[in-house]
Amino acid sequence: MTENEMAPAVKELFANDFRTIEQVRFGRKSIDLAFVPESPDLDTITVEMKLRDWRRALWQAQQNRTIGGLSYVAIWHDYSRPCINQRELFSSYGVGLIVVFETHAVIEFEAISLAKIPSSLKHAWYERLSSLSAI
């Protein structure tokens, strides 16, 4: 299993209400998946996917929160137990957890929107994402 092979199951979770953009450049790194809402009532969602390195994914996911919206770590199911056991740590960063299986993905716990940014800044971010190709 690779991170790329995990992506379809994660995308399916948000397919109805969001446009998906892969590998969004953000500073010196890329966000694995960004989901741009079709409705202004929804937040942008970012997802960092890892097979097993949940600590690195958590660090990246909490960095992604600086753009606003909700941030998740997606981890392969065989390596999800340590993440599930660290629910309080994830919660303290406001980061949710997605567990990925062969055919589907499950939100184990929801991300928390800890800080609201002004809608004008969100709008600029959405415009930037919209200028990229939707996948």
C-alpha atoms as a PDB file:
ATOM      1  CA  MET A   1       0.000   0.000   0.000  1.00  0.00           C
ATOM      2  CA  THR A   2       1.158   3.522  -0.797  1.00  0.00           C
ATOM      3  CA  GLU A   3      -0.170   6.940   0.137  1.00  0.00           C
ATOM      4  CA  ASN A   4      -1.392   7.374  -3.444  1.00  0.00           C
ATOM      5  CA  GLU A   5      -3.359   4.140  -3.167  1.00  0.00           C
ATOM      6  CA  MET A   6      -4.969   5.425   0.039  1.00  0.00           C
ATOM      7  CA  ALA A   7      -6.207   8.629  -1.620  1.00  0.00           C
ATOM      8  CA  PRO A   8      -9.371   7.312  -3.362  1.00  0.00           C
ATOM      9  CA  ALA A   9     -10.857   6.040  -0.096  1.00  0.00           C
ATOM     10  CA  VAL A  10     -10.155   9.377   1.626  1.00  0.00           C
ATOM     11  CA  LYS A  11     -11.539  11.373  -1.303  1.00  0.00           C
ATOM     12  CA  GLU A  12     -14.776   9.392  -1.117  1.00  0.00           C
ATOM     13  CA  LEU A  13     -15.422  10.722   2.412  1.00  0.00           C
ATOM     14  CA  PHE A  14     -15.752  14.283   1.135  1.00  0.00           C
ATOM     15  CA  ALA A  15     -16.825  13.722  -2.486  1.00  0.00           C
ATOM     16  CA  ASN A  16     -20.349  15.145  -2.220  1.00  0.00           C
ATOM     17  CA  ASP A  17     -19.680  18.620  -0.853  1.00  0.00           C
ATOM     18  CA  PHE A  18     -16.082  19.398  -1.861  1.00  0.00           C
ATOM     19  CA  ARG A  19     -13.733  19.745  -4.803  1.00  0.00           C
ATOM     20  CA  THR A  20     -10.515  17.777  -4.315  1.00  0.00           C
ATOM     21  CA  ILE A  21      -7.064  19.157  -5.016  1.00  0.00           C
ATOM     22  CA  GLU A  22      -3.954  17.011  -4.600  1.00  0.00           C
ATOM     23  CA  GLN A  23      -0.471  18.120  -3.550  1.00  0.00           C
ATOM     24  CA  VAL A  24      -1.182  21.767  -2.760  1.00  0.00           C
ATOM     25  CA  ARG A  25       2.068  23.682  -2.232  1.00  0.00           C
ATOM     26  CA  PHE A  26       2.167  25.266   1.215  1.00  0.00           C
ATOM     27  CA  GLY A  27       5.458  26.879   2.136  1.00  0.00           C
ATOM     28  CA  ARG A  28       8.245  24.333   1.827  1.00  0.00           C
ATOM     29  CA  LYS A  29       5.873  21.385   1.835  1.00  0.00           C
ATOM     30  CA  SER A  30       2.819  20.091   0.046  1.00  0.00           C
ATOM     31  CA  ILE A  31      -0.553  19.250   1.530  1.00  0.00           C
ATOM     32  CA  ASP A  32      -1.496  15.749   0.351  1.00  0.00           C
ATOM     33  CA  LEU A  33      -5.194  16.493  -0.150  1.00  0.00           C
ATOM     34  CA  ALA A  34      -7.210  19.692   0.119  1.00  0.00           C
ATOM     35  CA  PHE A  35     -10.979  19.706  -0.079  1.00  0.00           C
ATOM     36  CA  VAL A  36     -12.494  23.022  -1.126  1.00  0.00           C
ATOM     37  CA  PRO A  37     -16.154  23.389  -0.140  1.00  0.00           C
ATOM     38  CA  GLU A  38     -18.875  23.962  -2.691  1.00  0.00           C
ATOM     39  CA  SER A  39     -20.834  25.828   0.012  1.00  0.00           C
ATOM     40  CA  PRO A  40     -19.589  28.875   1.941  1.00  0.00           C
ATOM     41  CA  ASP A  41     -21.007  27.291   5.117  1.00  0.00           C
ATOM     42  CA  LEU A  42     -18.329  24.585   5.103  1.00  0.00           C
ATOM     43  CA  ASP A  43     -14.647  24.823   6.015  1.00  0.00           C
ATOM     44  CA  THR A  44     -11.708  23.845   3.851  1.00  0.00           C
ATOM     45  CA  ILE A  45     -10.400  20.403   4.831  1.00  0.00           C
ATOM     46  CA  THR A  46      -6.774  19.323   4.548  1.00  0.00           C
ATOM     47  CA  VAL A  47      -5.491  15.770   4.917  1.00  0.00           C
ATOM     48  CA  GLU A  48      -1.980  14.467   5.491  1.00  0.00           C
ATOM     49  CA  MET A  49      -1.689  10.797   4.536  1.00  0.00           C
ATOM     50  CA  LYS A  50       0.878   8.439   5.976  1.00  0.00           C
ATOM     51  CA  LEU A  51       1.175   4.685   6.056  1.00  0.00           C
ATOM     52  CA  ARG A  52       2.638   4.585   9.567  1.00  0.00           C
ATOM     53  CA  ASP A  53       4.544   7.755  10.551  1.00  0.00           C
ATOM     54  CA  TRP A  54       1.677   9.344  12.468  1.00  0.00           C
ATOM     55  CA  ARG A  55       3.918  11.729  14.452  1.00  0.00           C
ATOM     56  CA  ARG A  56       5.176  13.397  11.272  1.00  0.00           C
ATOM     57  CA  ALA A  57       1.648  13.457   9.857  1.00  0.00           C
ATOM     58  CA  LEU A  58       0.334  15.092  13.050  1.00  0.00           C
ATOM     59  CA  TRP A  59       3.025  17.777  12.877  1.00  0.00           C
ATOM     60  CA  GLN A  60       2.198  18.450   9.216  1.00  0.00           C
ATOM     61  CA  ALA A  61      -1.553  18.464   9.871  1.00  0.00           C
ATOM     62  CA  GLN A  62      -1.277  20.987  12.675  1.00  0.00           C
ATOM     63  CA  GLN A  63       0.830  23.205  10.374  1.00  0.00           C
ATOM     64  CA  ASN A  64      -1.952  22.991   7.780  1.00  0.00           C
ATOM     65  CA  ARG A  65      -4.386  24.462  10.312  1.00  0.00           C
ATOM     66  CA  THR A  66      -2.723  27.851   9.836  1.00  0.00           C
ATOM     67  CA  ILE A  67      -4.646  28.232   6.565  1.00  0.00           C
ATOM     68  CA  GLY A  68      -7.918  27.789   8.407  1.00  0.00           C
ATOM     69  CA  GLY A  69     -10.472  25.076   8.214  1.00  0.00           C
ATOM     70  CA  LEU A  70     -10.202  21.510   9.426  1.00  0.00           C
ATOM     71  CA  SER A  71      -7.161  19.263   9.320  1.00  0.00           C
ATOM     72  CA  TYR A  72      -6.890  15.472   9.415  1.00  0.00           C
ATOM     73  CA  VAL A  73      -4.291  12.731   9.483  1.00  0.00           C
ATOM     74  CA  ALA A  74      -5.142   9.688   7.361  1.00  0.00           C
ATOM     75  CA  ILE A  75      -3.328   6.524   8.416  1.00  0.00           C
ATOM     76  CA  TRP A  76      -3.374   2.968   7.114  1.00  0.00           C
ATOM     77  CA  HIS A  77      -5.527   0.767   9.379  1.00  0.00           C
ATOM     78  CA  ASP A  78      -2.699  -1.617  10.311  1.00  0.00           C
ATOM     79  CA  TYR A  79      -0.901   1.287  12.020  1.00  0.00           C
ATOM     80  CA  SER A  80      -3.882   3.205  13.424  1.00  0.00           C
ATOM     81  CA  ARG A  81      -3.903   1.888  17.019  1.00  0.00           C
ATOM     82  CA  PRO A  82      -1.148   4.260  18.289  1.00  0.00           C
ATOM     83  CA  CYS A  83      -3.067   7.221  16.828  1.00  0.00           C
ATOM     84  CA  ILE A  84      -6.341   6.138  18.367  1.00  0.00           C
ATOM     85  CA  ASN A  85      -4.550   5.820  21.707  1.00  0.00           C
ATOM     86  CA  GLN A  86      -3.353   9.430  21.321  1.00  0.00           C
ATOM     87  CA  ARG A  87      -6.829  10.947  20.899  1.00  0.00           C
ATOM     88  CA  GLU A  88      -6.139  13.646  23.517  1.00  0.00           C
ATOM     89  CA  LEU A  89      -2.919  14.686  21.779  1.00  0.00           C
ATOM     90  CA  PHE A  90      -4.676  14.944  18.408  1.00  0.00           C
ATOM     91  CA  SER A  91      -7.512  16.864  20.048  1.00  0.00           C
ATOM     92  CA  SER A  92      -5.096  19.314  21.668  1.00  0.00           C
ATOM     93  CA  TYR A  93      -3.907  20.221  18.162  1.00  0.00           C
ATOM     94  CA  GLY A  94      -7.436  20.230  16.762  1.00  0.00           C
ATOM     95  CA  VAL A  95      -6.488  17.489  14.283  1.00  0.00           C
ATOM     96  CA  GLY A  96      -8.859  14.659  13.389  1.00  0.00           C
ATOM     97  CA  LEU A  97      -8.041  11.084  12.419  1.00  0.00           C
ATOM     98  CA  ILE A  98      -9.077   9.099   9.358  1.00  0.00           C
ATOM     99  CA  VAL A  99      -8.388   5.354   9.285  1.00  0.00           C
ATOM    100  CA  VAL A 100      -7.970   3.956   5.774  1.00  0.00           C
ATOM    101  CA  PHE A 101      -8.857   0.401   4.738  1.00  0.00           C
ATOM    102  CA  GLU A 102      -8.552  -1.355   1.371  1.00  0.00           C
ATOM    103  CA  THR A 103     -11.961  -0.214   0.109  1.00  0.00           C
ATOM    104  CA  HIS A 104     -13.009   2.661   2.339  1.00  0.00           C
ATOM    105  CA  ALA A 105     -11.989   5.159   4.996  1.00  0.00           C
ATOM    106  CA  VAL A 106     -13.574   6.020   8.341  1.00  0.00           C
ATOM    107  CA  ILE A 107     -13.345   9.211  10.371  1.00  0.00           C
ATOM    108  CA  GLU A 108     -12.228   7.864  13.749  1.00  0.00           C
ATOM    109  CA  PHE A 109     -12.508  11.285  15.376  1.00  0.00           C
ATOM    110  CA  GLU A 110     -13.418  14.670  13.990  1.00  0.00           C
ATOM    111  CA  ALA A 111     -11.093  17.629  13.518  1.00  0.00           C
ATOM    112  CA  ILE A 112     -11.802  20.699  15.625  1.00  0.00           C
ATOM    113  CA  SER A 113     -11.889  24.209  14.265  1.00  0.00           C
ATOM    114  CA  LEU A 114      -9.918  25.993  16.990  1.00  0.00           C
ATOM    115  CA  ALA A 115      -9.546  29.360  15.292  1.00  0.00           C
ATOM    116  CA  LYS A 116     -11.802  31.139  12.900  1.00  0.00           C
ATOM    117  CA  ILE A 117     -10.113  33.360  10.362  1.00  0.00           C
ATOM    118  CA  PRO A 118     -11.865  36.263   8.639  1.00  0.00           C
ATOM    119  CA  SER A 119     -13.960  35.257   5.656  1.00  0.00           C
ATOM    120  CA  SER A 120     -12.002  37.682   3.444  1.00  0.00           C
ATOM    121  CA  LEU A 121      -8.818  35.677   4.106  1.00  0.00           C
ATOM    122  CA  LYS A 122     -10.662  32.403   3.524  1.00  0.00           C
ATOM    123  CA  HIS A 123     -12.013  33.783   0.269  1.00  0.00           C
ATOM    124  CA  ALA A 124      -8.467  34.605  -0.912  1.00  0.00           C
ATOM    125  CA  TRP A 125      -7.362  31.057  -0.012  1.00  0.00           C
ATOM    126  CA  TYR A 126     -10.332  29.519  -1.851  1.00  0.00           C
ATOM    127  CA  GLU A 127      -9.586  31.663  -4.888  1.00  0.00           C
ATOM    128  CA  ARG A 128      -5.985  30.462  -4.866  1.00  0.00           C
ATOM    129  CA  LEU A 129      -7.085  26.837  -4.612  1.00  0.00           C
ATOM    130  CA  SER A 130      -9.729  27.352  -7.304  1.00  0.00           C
ATOM    131  CA  SER A 131      -7.078  28.538  -9.732  1.00  0.00           C
ATOM    132  CA  LEU A 132      -5.513  25.081  -9.505  1.00  0.00           C
ATOM    133  CA  SER A 133      -6.935  22.136 -11.400  1.00  0.00           C
ATOM    134  CA  ALA A 134      -9.662  20.322  -9.523  1.00  0.00           C
ATOM    135  CA  ILE A 135      -9.242  16.572  -9.502  1.00  0.00           C
END
